[in-house]
C-alpha atoms as a PDB file:
ATOM      1  CA  MET A   1     -43.807-119.470  96.075  1.00  0.00           C
ATOM      2  CA  LYS A   2     -44.099-116.183  97.983  1.00  0.00           C
ATOM      3  CA  ASN A   3     -46.037-115.630 101.199  1.00  0.00           C
ATOM      4  CA  VAL A   4     -48.577-112.813 101.112  1.00  0.00           C
ATOM      5  CA  ALA A   5     -50.114-110.786 103.937  1.00  0.00           C
ATOM      6  CA  ILE A   6     -53.248-108.735 103.291  1.00  0.00           C
ATOM      7  CA  VAL A   7     -53.688-105.648 105.460  1.00  0.00           C
ATOM      8  CA  GLY A   8     -57.351-104.688 105.660  1.00  0.00           C
ATOM      9  CA  PHE A   9     -60.209-107.179 105.312  1.00  0.00           C
ATOM     10  CA  GLY A  10     -63.142-105.133 104.090  1.00  0.00           C
ATOM     11  CA  TYR A  11     -64.804-105.832 100.768  1.00  0.00           C
ATOM     12  CA  ALA A  12     -61.665-105.242  98.685  1.00  0.00           C
ATOM     13  CA  GLY A  13     -59.391-107.298 100.905  1.00  0.00           C
ATOM     14  CA  ARG A  14     -61.867-110.161 101.209  1.00  0.00           C
ATOM     15  CA  ALA A  15     -63.627-110.373  97.828  1.00  0.00           C
ATOM     16  CA  PHE A  16     -60.838-109.244  95.531  1.00  0.00           C
ATOM     17  CA  HIS A  17     -57.382-109.721  96.983  1.00  0.00           C
ATOM     18  CA  ALA A  18     -57.794-112.815  99.172  1.00  0.00           C
ATOM     19  CA  TYR A  19     -59.829-114.587  96.501  1.00  0.00           C
ATOM     20  CA  LEU A  20     -57.525-113.809  93.570  1.00  0.00           C
ATOM     21  CA  ILE A  21     -54.334-114.485  95.513  1.00  0.00           C
ATOM     22  CA  GLY A  22     -55.806-117.838  96.518  1.00  0.00           C
ATOM     23  CA  LEU A  23     -56.132-118.781  92.847  1.00  0.00           C
ATOM     24  CA  GLU A  24     -52.490-118.029  92.003  1.00  0.00           C
ATOM     25  CA  PRO A  25     -50.127-121.034  92.389  1.00  0.00           C
ATOM     26  CA  GLY A  26     -47.073-118.776  92.735  1.00  0.00           C
ATOM     27  CA  LEU A  27     -48.485-117.014  95.814  1.00  0.00           C
ATOM     28  CA  ASN A  28     -49.519-118.269  99.227  1.00  0.00           C
ATOM     29  CA  LEU A  29     -52.066-116.364 101.325  1.00  0.00           C
ATOM     30  CA  TYR A  30     -50.146-116.503 104.586  1.00  0.00           C
ATOM     31  CA  ALA A  31     -51.595-113.773 106.831  1.00  0.00           C
ATOM     32  CA  ILE A  32     -54.491-111.319 107.180  1.00  0.00           C
ATOM     33  CA  ALA A  33     -54.265-108.215 109.360  1.00  0.00           C
ATOM     34  CA  THR A  34     -57.347-106.347 110.551  1.00  0.00           C
ATOM     35  CA  ARG A  35     -58.137-104.460 113.768  1.00  0.00           C
ATOM     36  CA  ASN A  36     -61.853-105.246 113.502  1.00  0.00           C
ATOM     37  CA  PRO A  37     -62.763-108.245 115.743  1.00  0.00           C
ATOM     38  CA  GLU A  38     -65.713-109.240 113.544  1.00  0.00           C
ATOM     39  CA  ARG A  39     -63.518-109.264 110.443  1.00  0.00           C
ATOM     40  CA  GLN A  40     -60.868-111.224 112.310  1.00  0.00           C
ATOM     41  CA  ALA A  41     -63.487-113.867 113.057  1.00  0.00           C
ATOM     42  CA  GLN A  42     -64.639-113.812 109.453  1.00  0.00           C
ATOM     43  CA  ALA A  43     -61.056-114.237 108.213  1.00  0.00           C
ATOM     44  CA  ARG A  44     -60.516-117.224 110.529  1.00  0.00           C
ATOM     45  CA  GLU A  45     -63.736-118.815 109.330  1.00  0.00           C
ATOM     46  CA  LEU A  46     -63.001-118.297 105.625  1.00  0.00           C
ATOM     47  CA  TYR A  47     -59.275-119.101 105.846  1.00  0.00           C
ATOM     48  CA  PRO A  48     -58.661-121.457 108.806  1.00  0.00           C
ATOM     49  CA  ASN A  49     -55.060-122.102 107.737  1.00  0.00           C
ATOM     50  CA  VAL A  50     -54.133-118.426 107.440  1.00  0.00           C
ATOM     51  CA  LYS A  51     -52.526-116.449 110.246  1.00  0.00           C
ATOM     52  CA  VAL A  52     -54.820-113.643 111.477  1.00  0.00           C
ATOM     53  CA  VAL A  53     -53.272-110.672 113.312  1.00  0.00           C
ATOM     54  CA  SER A  54     -54.353-107.193 114.409  1.00  0.00           C
ATOM     55  CA  THR A  55     -51.646-104.841 113.163  1.00  0.00           C
ATOM     56  CA  LEU A  56     -49.324-104.082 110.289  1.00  0.00           C
ATOM     57  CA  GLN A  57     -46.400-104.204 112.721  1.00  0.00           C
ATOM     58  CA  GLU A  58     -47.054-107.879 113.402  1.00  0.00           C
ATOM     59  CA  VAL A  59     -46.929-108.497 109.651  1.00  0.00           C
ATOM     60  CA  LEU A  60     -43.689-106.570 109.215  1.00  0.00           C
ATOM     61  CA  GLU A  61     -41.983-108.381 112.088  1.00  0.00           C
ATOM     62  CA  ASP A  62     -42.772-111.781 110.564  1.00  0.00           C
ATOM     63  CA  PRO A  63     -39.806-112.956 108.435  1.00  0.00           C
ATOM     64  CA  GLN A  64     -42.080-115.380 106.563  1.00  0.00           C
ATOM     65  CA  VAL A  65     -43.991-112.529 104.876  1.00  0.00           C
ATOM     66  CA  ASP A  66     -42.663-111.629 101.416  1.00  0.00           C
ATOM     67  CA  LEU A  67     -45.435-109.438  99.987  1.00  0.00           C
ATOM     68  CA  VAL A  68     -47.756-106.994 101.757  1.00  0.00           C
ATOM     69  CA  VAL A  69     -51.055-106.099 100.059  1.00  0.00           C
ATOM     70  CA  LEU A  70     -52.673-102.906 101.347  1.00  0.00           C
ATOM     71  CA  ALA A  71     -56.471-103.037 101.098  1.00  0.00           C
ATOM     72  CA  THR A  72     -56.926 -99.993 103.331  1.00  0.00           C
ATOM     73  CA  PRO A  73     -58.382 -96.477 102.851  1.00  0.00           C
ATOM     74  CA  HIS A  74     -56.627 -94.432 100.174  1.00  0.00           C
ATOM     75  CA  ASP A  75     -55.188 -91.872 102.581  1.00  0.00           C
ATOM     76  CA  THR A  76     -53.219 -94.605 104.419  1.00  0.00           C
ATOM     77  CA  HIS A  77     -51.473 -96.129 101.396  1.00  0.00           C
ATOM     78  CA  CYS A  78     -48.408 -93.907 101.289  1.00  0.00           C
ATOM     79  CA  GLU A  79     -47.235 -94.176 104.882  1.00  0.00           C
ATOM     80  CA  LEU A  80     -48.138 -97.860 105.275  1.00  0.00           C
ATOM     81  CA  ALA A  81     -46.440 -98.800 102.000  1.00  0.00           C
ATOM     82  CA  ILE A  82     -43.236 -96.946 102.883  1.00  0.00           C
ATOM     83  CA  GLN A  83     -43.235 -98.550 106.324  1.00  0.00           C
ATOM     84  CA  ALA A  84     -43.585-101.999 104.739  1.00  0.00           C
ATOM     85  CA  MET A  85     -40.931-101.367 102.091  1.00  0.00           C
ATOM     86  CA  ASN A  86     -38.493-100.059 104.701  1.00  0.00           C
ATOM     87  CA  ALA A  87     -39.010-103.391 106.453  1.00  0.00           C
ATOM     88  CA  GLY A  88     -37.899-105.161 103.266  1.00  0.00           C
ATOM     89  CA  LYS A  89     -41.354-106.273 102.116  1.00  0.00           C
ATOM     90  CA  HIS A  90     -42.649-106.123  98.562  1.00  0.00           C
ATOM     91  CA  VAL A  91     -45.850-104.059  98.323  1.00  0.00           C
ATOM     92  CA  VAL A  92     -49.067-104.007  96.311  1.00  0.00           C
ATOM     93  CA  THR A  93     -51.606-101.307  97.110  1.00  0.00           C
ATOM     94  CA  ASP A  94     -55.217-101.317  96.088  1.00  0.00           C
ATOM     95  CA  LYS A  95     -56.119 -98.545  93.696  1.00  0.00           C
ATOM     96  CA  ILE A  96     -55.967 -95.597  93.879  1.00  0.00           C
ATOM     97  CA  VAL A  97     -52.259 -95.696  94.654  1.00  0.00           C
ATOM     98  CA  ALA A  98     -52.191 -92.583  96.863  1.00  0.00           C
ATOM     99  CA  MET A  99     -53.693 -89.143  97.318  1.00  0.00           C
ATOM    100  CA  ASN A 100     -51.346 -87.261  94.986  1.00  0.00           C
ATOM    101  CA  ALA A 101     -48.181 -87.506  92.879  1.00  0.00           C
ATOM    102  CA  GLU A 102     -45.862 -86.423  95.700  1.00  0.00           C
ATOM    103  CA  GLU A 103     -46.947 -89.382  97.827  1.00  0.00           C
ATOM    104  CA  THR A 104     -46.595 -91.745  94.860  1.00  0.00           C
ATOM    105  CA  ILE A 105     -43.064 -90.529  94.149  1.00  0.00           C
ATOM    106  CA  ARG A 106     -42.118 -91.126  97.790  1.00  0.00           C
ATOM    107  CA  MET A 107     -43.495 -94.678  97.533  1.00  0.00           C
ATOM    108  CA  ALA A 108     -41.551 -95.350  94.315  1.00  0.00           C
ATOM    109  CA  GLN A 109     -38.363 -94.007  95.903  1.00  0.00           C
ATOM    110  CA  ALA A 110     -38.827 -96.274  98.922  1.00  0.00           C
ATOM    111  CA  ALA A 111     -39.202 -99.283  96.620  1.00  0.00           C
ATOM    112  CA  GLU A 112     -36.027 -98.387  94.741  1.00  0.00           C
ATOM    113  CA  CYS A 113     -34.016 -97.694  97.897  1.00  0.00           C
ATOM    114  CA  ASN A 114     -35.058-100.999  99.469  1.00  0.00           C
ATOM    115  CA  GLY A 115     -34.837-103.091  96.291  1.00  0.00           C
ATOM    116  CA  VAL A 116     -38.428-104.316  96.541  1.00  0.00           C
ATOM    117  CA  LEU A 117     -41.378-104.632  94.180  1.00  0.00           C
ATOM    118  CA  PHE A 118     -44.061-101.945  94.223  1.00  0.00           C
ATOM    119  CA  SER A 119     -47.245-102.209  92.164  1.00  0.00           C
ATOM    120  CA  VAL A 120     -50.914-101.183  92.244  1.00  0.00           C
ATOM    121  CA  PHE A 121     -53.988-103.360  91.789  1.00  0.00           C
ATOM    122  CA  HIS A 122     -55.359-102.169  88.449  1.00  0.00           C
ATOM    123  CA  ASN A 123     -57.324-105.323  87.712  1.00  0.00           C
ATOM    124  CA  ARG A 124     -59.546-103.492  85.216  1.00  0.00           C
ATOM    125  CA  ARG A 125     -56.805-103.553  82.629  1.00  0.00           C
ATOM    126  CA  TRP A 126     -58.281-107.019  82.065  1.00  0.00           C
ATOM    127  CA  ASP A 127     -61.911-105.889  81.788  1.00  0.00           C
ATOM    128  CA  TRP A 128     -63.721-107.314  78.787  1.00  0.00           C
ATOM    129  CA  ASP A 129     -64.996-103.930  77.578  1.00  0.00           C
ATOM    130  CA  PHE A 130     -61.518-102.362  77.672  1.00  0.00           C
ATOM    131  CA  LEU A 131     -59.909-105.296  75.866  1.00  0.00           C
ATOM    132  CA  THR A 132     -62.686-105.352  73.267  1.00  0.00           C
ATOM    133  CA  LEU A 133     -62.188-101.656  72.555  1.00  0.00           C
ATOM    134  CA  LYS A 134     -58.449-102.207  72.155  1.00  0.00           C
ATOM    135  CA  LYS A 135     -59.179-104.993  69.652  1.00  0.00           C
ATOM    136  CA  ALA A 136     -61.641-102.856  67.679  1.00  0.00           C
ATOM    137  CA  ILE A 137     -59.056-100.086  67.388  1.00  0.00           C
ATOM    138  CA  ALA A 138     -56.228-102.477  66.485  1.00  0.00           C
ATOM    139  CA  GLU A 139     -58.328-104.059  63.724  1.00  0.00           C
ATOM    140  CA  GLY A 140     -58.989-100.667  62.177  1.00  0.00           C
ATOM    141  CA  TYR A 141     -62.762-100.505  62.516  1.00  0.00           C
ATOM    142  CA  LEU A 142     -62.645 -96.978  63.946  1.00  0.00           C
ATOM    143  CA  GLY A 143     -59.797 -95.601  61.883  1.00  0.00           C
ATOM    144  CA  GLU A 144     -58.090 -92.923  63.977  1.00  0.00           C
ATOM    145  CA  PRO A 145     -60.086 -92.370  67.197  1.00  0.00           C
ATOM    146  CA  TYR A 146     -60.507 -88.722  68.118  1.00  0.00           C
ATOM    147  CA  LEU A 147     -63.064 -88.800  70.951  1.00  0.00           C
ATOM    148  CA  PHE A 148     -63.312 -91.288  73.823  1.00  0.00           C
ATOM    149  CA  GLU A 149     -66.141 -91.152  76.369  1.00  0.00           C
ATOM    150  CA  SER A 150     -65.708 -93.476  79.346  1.00  0.00           C
ATOM    151  CA  ALA A 151     -68.376 -93.411  82.045  1.00  0.00           C
ATOM    152  CA  ILE A 152     -69.659 -95.018  85.214  1.00  0.00           C
ATOM    153  CA  MET A 153     -72.917 -93.247  86.018  1.00  0.00           C
ATOM    154  CA  ARG A 154     -74.958 -94.746  88.844  1.00  0.00           C
ATOM    155  CA  TYR A 155     -77.516 -93.789  91.478  1.00  0.00           C
ATOM    156  CA  GLY A 156     -76.655 -94.493  95.087  1.00  0.00           C
ATOM    157  CA  LYS A 157     -74.423 -93.324  97.910  1.00  0.00           C
ATOM    158  CA  PRO A 158     -71.018 -95.052  98.260  1.00  0.00           C
ATOM    159  CA  GLY A 159     -70.552 -96.926 101.527  1.00  0.00           C
ATOM    160  CA  GLY A 160     -68.067 -96.791 104.395  1.00  0.00           C
ATOM    161  CA  TRP A 161     -64.897 -94.737 104.157  1.00  0.00           C
ATOM    162  CA  ARG A 162     -65.351 -94.391 100.384  1.00  0.00           C
ATOM    163  CA  ALA A 163     -68.098 -91.865 101.165  1.00  0.00           C
ATOM    164  CA  ILE A 164     -65.645 -89.689 103.130  1.00  0.00           C
ATOM    165  CA  LYS A 165     -63.530 -87.351 101.000  1.00  0.00           C
ATOM    166  CA  ALA A 166     -60.667 -87.063 103.512  1.00  0.00           C
ATOM    167  CA  GLN A 167     -60.122 -90.839 103.413  1.00  0.00           C
ATOM    168  CA  SER A 168     -61.077 -91.676  99.830  1.00  0.00           C
ATOM    169  CA  GLY A 169     -60.002 -88.574  97.910  1.00  0.00           C
ATOM    170  CA  GLY A 170     -63.397 -87.951  96.322  1.00  0.00           C
ATOM    171  CA  ILE A 171     -65.638 -89.223  93.544  1.00  0.00           C
ATOM    172  CA  LEU A 172     -62.830 -89.485  90.985  1.00  0.00           C
ATOM    173  CA  TYR A 173     -60.604 -91.619  93.222  1.00  0.00           C
ATOM    174  CA  ASP A 174     -62.446 -94.940  93.006  1.00  0.00           C
ATOM    175  CA  TRP A 175     -63.736 -96.006  89.578  1.00  0.00           C
ATOM    176  CA  GLY A 176     -62.024 -92.957  88.128  1.00  0.00           C
ATOM    177  CA  ALA A 177     -58.618 -94.461  88.870  1.00  0.00           C
ATOM    178  CA  HIS A 178     -59.407 -97.337  86.519  1.00  0.00           C
ATOM    179  CA  LEU A 179     -60.934 -95.167  83.818  1.00  0.00           C
ATOM    180  CA  MET A 180     -58.042 -92.709  83.707  1.00  0.00           C
ATOM    181  CA  ASP A 181     -55.478 -95.517  83.850  1.00  0.00           C
ATOM    182  CA  GLN A 182     -57.201 -97.043  80.816  1.00  0.00           C
ATOM    183  CA  ALA A 183     -57.143 -93.657  79.070  1.00  0.00           C
ATOM    184  CA  LEU A 184     -53.371 -93.409  79.443  1.00  0.00           C
ATOM    185  CA  LEU A 185     -53.001 -96.891  77.938  1.00  0.00           C
ATOM    186  CA  LEU A 186     -55.392 -96.285  75.020  1.00  0.00           C
ATOM    187  CA  VAL A 187     -53.932 -93.001  73.753  1.00  0.00           C
ATOM    188  CA  ASP A 188     -50.285 -92.988  72.672  1.00  0.00           C
ATOM    189  CA  SER A 189     -49.579 -89.307  73.181  1.00  0.00           C
ATOM    190  CA  LYS A 190     -48.615 -86.819  75.844  1.00  0.00           C
ATOM    191  CA  ILE A 191     -51.416 -84.992  77.647  1.00  0.00           C
ATOM    192  CA  ALA A 192     -51.479 -81.310  76.688  1.00  0.00           C
ATOM    193  CA  SER A 193     -53.978 -80.211  79.355  1.00  0.00           C
ATOM    194  CA  VAL A 194     -56.557 -81.408  81.864  1.00  0.00           C
ATOM    195  CA  TYR A 195     -59.948 -79.852  82.580  1.00  0.00           C
ATOM    196  CA  CYS A 196     -62.117 -81.091  85.452  1.00  0.00           C
ATOM    197  CA  GLN A 197     -65.497 -80.233  86.941  1.00  0.00           C
ATOM    198  CA  ILE A 198     -66.986 -81.702  90.129  1.00  0.00           C
ATOM    199  CA  GLN A 199     -70.517 -81.127  91.403  1.00  0.00           C
ATOM    200  CA  TYR A 200     -71.727 -81.594  94.980  1.00  0.00           C
ATOM    201  CA  ARG A 201     -75.476 -82.247  95.004  1.00  0.00           C
ATOM    202  CA  ARG A 202     -75.852 -84.806  97.803  1.00  0.00           C
ATOM    203  CA  GLU A 203     -76.182 -84.003 101.495  1.00  0.00           C
ATOM    204  CA  ASP A 204     -75.269 -87.507 102.648  1.00  0.00           C
ATOM    205  CA  THR A 205     -71.647 -87.502 101.426  1.00  0.00           C
ATOM    206  CA  ASP A 206     -68.914 -84.971 100.680  1.00  0.00           C
ATOM    207  CA  ILE A 207     -67.160 -86.915  97.907  1.00  0.00           C
ATOM    208  CA  GLY A 208     -69.160 -85.230  95.150  1.00  0.00           C
ATOM    209  CA  SER A 209     -72.096 -86.422  93.081  1.00  0.00           C
ATOM    210  CA  TYR A 210     -70.662 -85.918  89.598  1.00  0.00           C
ATOM    211  CA  GLY A 211     -67.158 -85.617  88.216  1.00  0.00           C
ATOM    212  CA  MET A 212     -65.936 -85.015  84.672  1.00  0.00           C
ATOM    213  CA  VAL A 213     -62.336 -84.969  83.470  1.00  0.00           C
ATOM    214  CA  ASN A 214     -61.314 -84.006  79.938  1.00  0.00           C
ATOM    215  CA  LEU A 215     -57.870 -85.260  79.006  1.00  0.00           C
ATOM    216  CA  ASN A 216     -56.718 -83.225  76.009  1.00  0.00           C
ATOM    217  CA  PHE A 217     -53.860 -85.058  74.300  1.00  0.00           C
ATOM    218  CA  GLU A 218     -51.162 -83.435  72.188  1.00  0.00           C
ATOM    219  CA  ASN A 219     -52.212 -85.506  69.161  1.00  0.00           C
ATOM    220  CA  GLY A 220     -55.672 -83.897  69.281  1.00  0.00           C
ATOM    221  CA  VAL A 221     -57.510 -86.783  70.944  1.00  0.00           C
ATOM    222  CA  ILE A 222     -60.040 -85.893  73.644  1.00  0.00           C
ATOM    223  CA  PHE A 223     -60.683 -88.481  76.343  1.00  0.00           C
ATOM    224  CA  ARG A 224     -63.616 -87.684  78.617  1.00  0.00           C
ATOM    225  CA  VAL A 225     -64.098 -89.549  81.896  1.00  0.00           C
ATOM    226  CA  GLU A 226     -67.411 -89.173  83.757  1.00  0.00           C
ATOM    227  CA  LEU A 227     -68.364 -90.525  87.190  1.00  0.00           C
ATOM    228  CA  GLY A 228     -71.662 -90.073  88.957  1.00  0.00           C
ATOM    229  CA  ASN A 229     -73.598 -91.381  91.962  1.00  0.00           C
ATOM    230  CA  LEU A 230     -76.726 -89.342  91.239  1.00  0.00           C
ATOM    231  CA  SER A 231     -77.526 -90.604  87.754  1.00  0.00           C
ATOM    232  CA  ALA A 232     -80.823 -92.382  87.157  1.00  0.00           C
ATOM    233  CA  TYR A 233     -79.598 -93.451  83.694  1.00  0.00           C
ATOM    234  CA  PRO A 234     -76.348 -95.456  83.513  1.00  0.00           C
ATOM    235  CA  ARG A 235     -74.976 -94.239  80.142  1.00  0.00           C
ATOM    236  CA  PRO A 236     -72.830 -96.540  77.938  1.00  0.00           C
ATOM    237  CA  ARG A 237     -69.596 -97.726  79.486  1.00  0.00           C
ATOM    238  CA  PHE A 238     -67.692 -96.597  76.353  1.00  0.00           C
ATOM    239  CA  GLN A 239     -68.564 -94.394  73.391  1.00  0.00           C
ATOM    240  CA  VAL A 240     -65.641 -93.935  71.013  1.00  0.00           C
ATOM    241  CA  PHE A 241     -65.611 -92.090  67.699  1.00  0.00           C
ATOM    242  CA  GLY A 242     -63.002 -92.350  64.953  1.00  0.00           C
ATOM    243  CA  ASP A 243     -62.630 -90.996  61.427  1.00  0.00           C
ATOM    244  CA  ARG A 244     -64.097 -94.186  59.915  1.00  0.00           C
ATOM    245  CA  GLY A 245     -66.214 -95.708  62.644  1.00  0.00           C
ATOM    246  CA  ALA A 246     -67.713 -95.710  66.123  1.00  0.00           C
ATOM    247  CA  PHE A 247     -67.791 -98.081  69.103  1.00  0.00           C
ATOM    248  CA  VAL A 248     -70.465 -98.267  71.812  1.00  0.00           C
ATOM    249  CA  LYS A 249     -70.346-100.674  74.759  1.00  0.00           C
ATOM    250  CA  THR A 250     -72.968-100.924  77.491  1.00  0.00           C
ATOM    251  CA  GLY A 251     -72.976-102.823  80.759  1.00  0.00           C
ATOM    252  CA  ILE A 252     -70.218-103.458  83.284  1.00  0.00           C
ATOM    253  CA  ASP A 253     -67.552-106.147  83.086  1.00  0.00           C
ATOM    254  CA  PRO A 254     -69.196-109.345  84.424  1.00  0.00           C
ATOM    255  CA  GLN A 255     -66.302-110.740  86.457  1.00  0.00           C
ATOM    256  CA  GLU A 256     -67.145-109.197  89.848  1.00  0.00           C
ATOM    257  CA  HIS A 257     -70.584-110.844  90.005  1.00  0.00           C
ATOM    258  CA  TYR A 258     -69.077-114.286  89.403  1.00  0.00           C
ATOM    259  CA  MET A 259     -66.080-113.604  91.641  1.00  0.00           C
ATOM    260  CA  ARG A 260     -68.388-112.990  94.610  1.00  0.00           C
ATOM    261  CA  GLN A 261     -69.773-116.477  93.986  1.00  0.00           C
ATOM    262  CA  GLY A 262     -66.282-117.985  93.894  1.00  0.00           C
ATOM    263  CA  ARG A 263     -66.376-118.861  90.185  1.00  0.00           C
ATOM    264  CA  ILE A 264     -64.739-116.041  88.270  1.00  0.00           C
ATOM    265  CA  ASP A 265     -63.626-118.343  85.447  1.00  0.00           C
ATOM    266  CA  GLU A 266     -67.295-119.002  84.602  1.00  0.00           C
ATOM    267  CA  ALA A 267     -68.129-115.342  83.990  1.00  0.00           C
ATOM    268  CA  GLU A 268     -70.558-114.692  81.147  1.00  0.00           C
ATOM    269  CA  GLU A 269     -71.877-111.498  79.607  1.00  0.00           C
ATOM    270  CA  GLU A 270     -75.442-110.745  78.560  1.00  0.00           C
ATOM    271  CA  PRO A 271     -75.571-110.722  74.725  1.00  0.00           C
ATOM    272  CA  GLU A 272     -77.223-107.294  74.631  1.00  0.00           C
ATOM    273  CA  HIS A 273     -74.084-105.805  76.182  1.00  0.00           C
ATOM    274  CA  GLN A 274     -71.808-106.865  73.338  1.00  0.00           C
ATOM    275  CA  ALA A 275     -70.082-103.924  71.668  1.00  0.00           C
ATOM    276  CA  ARG A 276     -71.811-102.310  68.689  1.00  0.00           C
ATOM    277  CA  ILE A 277     -69.565-101.106  65.893  1.00  0.00           C
ATOM    278  CA  TRP A 278     -70.312 -98.852  62.960  1.00  0.00           C
ATOM    279  CA  THR A 279     -67.605 -98.785  60.297  1.00  0.00           C
ATOM    280  CA  ILE A 280     -66.865 -98.505  56.573  1.00  0.00           C
ATOM    281  CA  GLU A 281     -65.820-101.647  54.706  1.00  0.00           C
ATOM    282  CA  ASP A 282     -65.184-101.751  50.942  1.00  0.00           C
ATOM    283  CA  GLY A 283     -66.670 -98.292  50.653  1.00  0.00           C
ATOM    284  CA  ARG A 284     -69.934 -99.285  52.320  1.00  0.00           C
ATOM    285  CA  PRO A 285     -71.276 -98.699  55.837  1.00  0.00           C
ATOM    286  CA  ARG A 286     -71.443-101.742  58.081  1.00  0.00           C
ATOM    287  CA  GLU A 287     -72.958-102.187  61.543  1.00  0.00           C
ATOM    288  CA  PHE A 288     -72.306-105.286  63.649  1.00  0.00           C
ATOM    289  CA  ARG A 289     -71.830-106.599  67.178  1.00  0.00           C
ATOM    290  CA  MET A 290     -68.386-107.702  68.331  1.00  0.00           C
ATOM    291  CA  PRO A 291     -68.158-110.529  70.895  1.00  0.00           C
ATOM    292  CA  SER A 292     -66.256-109.406  73.972  1.00  0.00           C
ATOM    293  CA  VAL A 293     -62.616-110.293  74.489  1.00  0.00           C
ATOM    294  CA  ARG A 294     -62.481-112.428  77.636  1.00  0.00           C
ATOM    295  CA  GLY A 295     -59.955-110.973  80.017  1.00  0.00           C
ATOM    296  CA  SER A 296     -59.291-112.307  83.513  1.00  0.00           C
ATOM    297  CA  TRP A 297     -58.599-110.384  86.693  1.00  0.00           C
ATOM    298  CA  ARG A 298     -56.475-113.365  87.695  1.00  0.00           C
ATOM    299  CA  SER A 299     -53.878-111.949  85.306  1.00  0.00           C
ATOM    300  CA  TYR A 300     -52.870-109.230  87.775  1.00  0.00           C
ATOM    301  CA  TYR A 301     -51.607-111.545  90.520  1.00  0.00           C
ATOM    302  CA  ARG A 302     -50.291-113.961  87.915  1.00  0.00           C
ATOM    303  CA  ASN A 303     -47.989-111.112  86.837  1.00  0.00           C
ATOM    304  CA  ILE A 304     -47.044-110.288  90.447  1.00  0.00           C
ATOM    305  CA  ALA A 305     -46.120-113.930  91.044  1.00  0.00           C
ATOM    306  CA  ALA A 306     -44.069-114.040  87.842  1.00  0.00           C
ATOM    307  CA  ALA A 307     -42.278-110.823  88.805  1.00  0.00           C
ATOM    308  CA  LEU A 308     -41.405-112.115  92.279  1.00  0.00           C
ATOM    309  CA  ASN A 309     -40.586-115.718  91.368  1.00  0.00           C
ATOM    310  CA  GLU A 310     -39.135-115.351  87.885  1.00  0.00           C
ATOM    311  CA  GLY A 311     -38.087-111.723  87.506  1.00  0.00           C
ATOM    312  CA  ALA A 312     -40.778-110.949  84.898  1.00  0.00           C
ATOM    313  CA  PRO A 313     -41.481-107.261  84.167  1.00  0.00           C
ATOM    314  CA  LEU A 314     -44.387-105.657  86.003  1.00  0.00           C
ATOM    315  CA  GLU A 315     -47.601-104.923  84.151  1.00  0.00           C
ATOM    316  CA  VAL A 316     -48.471-102.040  86.496  1.00  0.00           C
ATOM    317  CA  THR A 317     -45.371 -99.998  87.248  1.00  0.00           C
ATOM    318  CA  PRO A 318     -44.545 -97.153  89.659  1.00  0.00           C
ATOM    319  CA  GLU A 319     -43.700 -94.907  86.700  1.00  0.00           C
ATOM    320  CA  GLN A 320     -47.183 -95.395  85.248  1.00  0.00           C
ATOM    321  CA  MET A 321     -48.740 -94.559  88.618  1.00  0.00           C
ATOM    322  CA  ILE A 322     -46.679 -91.377  89.007  1.00  0.00           C
ATOM    323  CA  ARG A 323     -47.938 -90.164  85.627  1.00  0.00           C
ATOM    324  CA  LEU A 324     -51.504 -91.077  86.579  1.00  0.00           C
ATOM    325  CA  MET A 325     -51.304 -89.111  89.818  1.00  0.00           C
ATOM    326  CA  LYS A 326     -49.838 -86.077  88.076  1.00  0.00           C
ATOM    327  CA  VAL A 327     -52.992 -86.140  85.961  1.00  0.00           C
ATOM    328  CA  TYR A 328     -55.036 -86.300  89.169  1.00  0.00           C
ATOM    329  CA  ASP A 329     -53.189 -83.362  90.661  1.00  0.00           C
ATOM    330  CA  ALA A 330     -53.925 -81.326  87.530  1.00  0.00           C
ATOM    331  CA  ALA A 331     -57.588 -82.401  87.617  1.00  0.00           C
ATOM    332  CA  MET A 332     -58.009 -81.300  91.233  1.00  0.00           C
ATOM    333  CA  LEU A 333     -56.349 -77.957  90.508  1.00  0.00           C
ATOM    334  CA  SER A 334     -58.620 -77.508  87.494  1.00  0.00           C
ATOM    335  CA  SER A 335     -61.763 -78.295  89.511  1.00  0.00           C
ATOM    336  CA  GLU A 336     -60.777 -75.626  92.029  1.00  0.00           C
ATOM    337  CA  SER A 337     -59.716 -72.942  89.532  1.00  0.00           C
ATOM    338  CA  GLY A 338     -62.255 -73.578  86.774  1.00  0.00           C
ATOM    339  CA  GLN A 339     -59.414 -73.512  84.238  1.00  0.00           C
ATOM    340  CA  ALA A 340     -57.736 -76.130  82.062  1.00  0.00           C
ATOM    341  CA  ILE A 341     -54.310 -76.998  83.488  1.00  0.00           C
ATOM    342  CA  PRO A 342     -51.359 -77.410  81.054  1.00  0.00           C
ATOM    343  CA  LEU A 343     -49.511 -80.678  81.635  1.00  0.00           C
ATOM    344  CA  GLY A 344     -47.220 -81.923  78.834  1.00  0.00           C
ATOM    345  CA  ILE A 345     -46.553 -85.432  80.151  1.00  0.00           C
END
């Protein structure tokens, strides 16, 4: 069993990381670090047997700590992760991994030089909608997909540091990290070019109100990611079109709602949010609903524990994150220039 220290005890550190680590038998929640006195008190109340400290340095000086989880603002990930890895600690960062590819490469190099694990919390690889889409494609209902539309369109200002571009990176750097990570897993091809547009229509935040990224793959597939915080209509989570069928999925993965109640394993989805599929079978059109594939966010830390305790391969690797951030760099350049950016990765 490996001892884990969480750095940062806001919503992500408390509701996601502490909770999910606590469910994994191969990991022990050993310490929580936060400078905020109120959050220190909250951590002591929720986890009376866990060590609560104020700084990362206290975590790094503790020889009992094996793994450091960074649940801090995005712009801190690179330097804090390198500092932890240079101290011989394994590191998991919350998503998004960093602010750009250069930072991510530095983090991967630090992991390699120090012989430690480095991964990123992409729990939404186990979202029900994503897994259901993968199943629909694998079973041939869509034929060859040629257009993916993946969206999170909401109405409401983000809170805290996530509403500050300098700390968060912008509208594409929260949910967008999951959506573009999923895109790179769904399409088995190099990306030919990236085109991005960002609109700024809110006066209460500088992260942007709408962002669109078109990933144009070398095999001809177009994958469009859309994020919005000024959308009165939510849009389907996925719309995917293939040469023999289509897939539409509404709603958001149900796990977070149940996780906040401390019962993630009991998660259930409203029947009206089951995927709708249109396909051709035996020469005739068919329309039906596909029950969702039940993934579990517990799988992420189960993999981390297996990697640390048994030498299992990582599900979320530094190499995958470097590619993802190269896509981000191209998207930001495209949003500034108004041009599609060639990529070839």
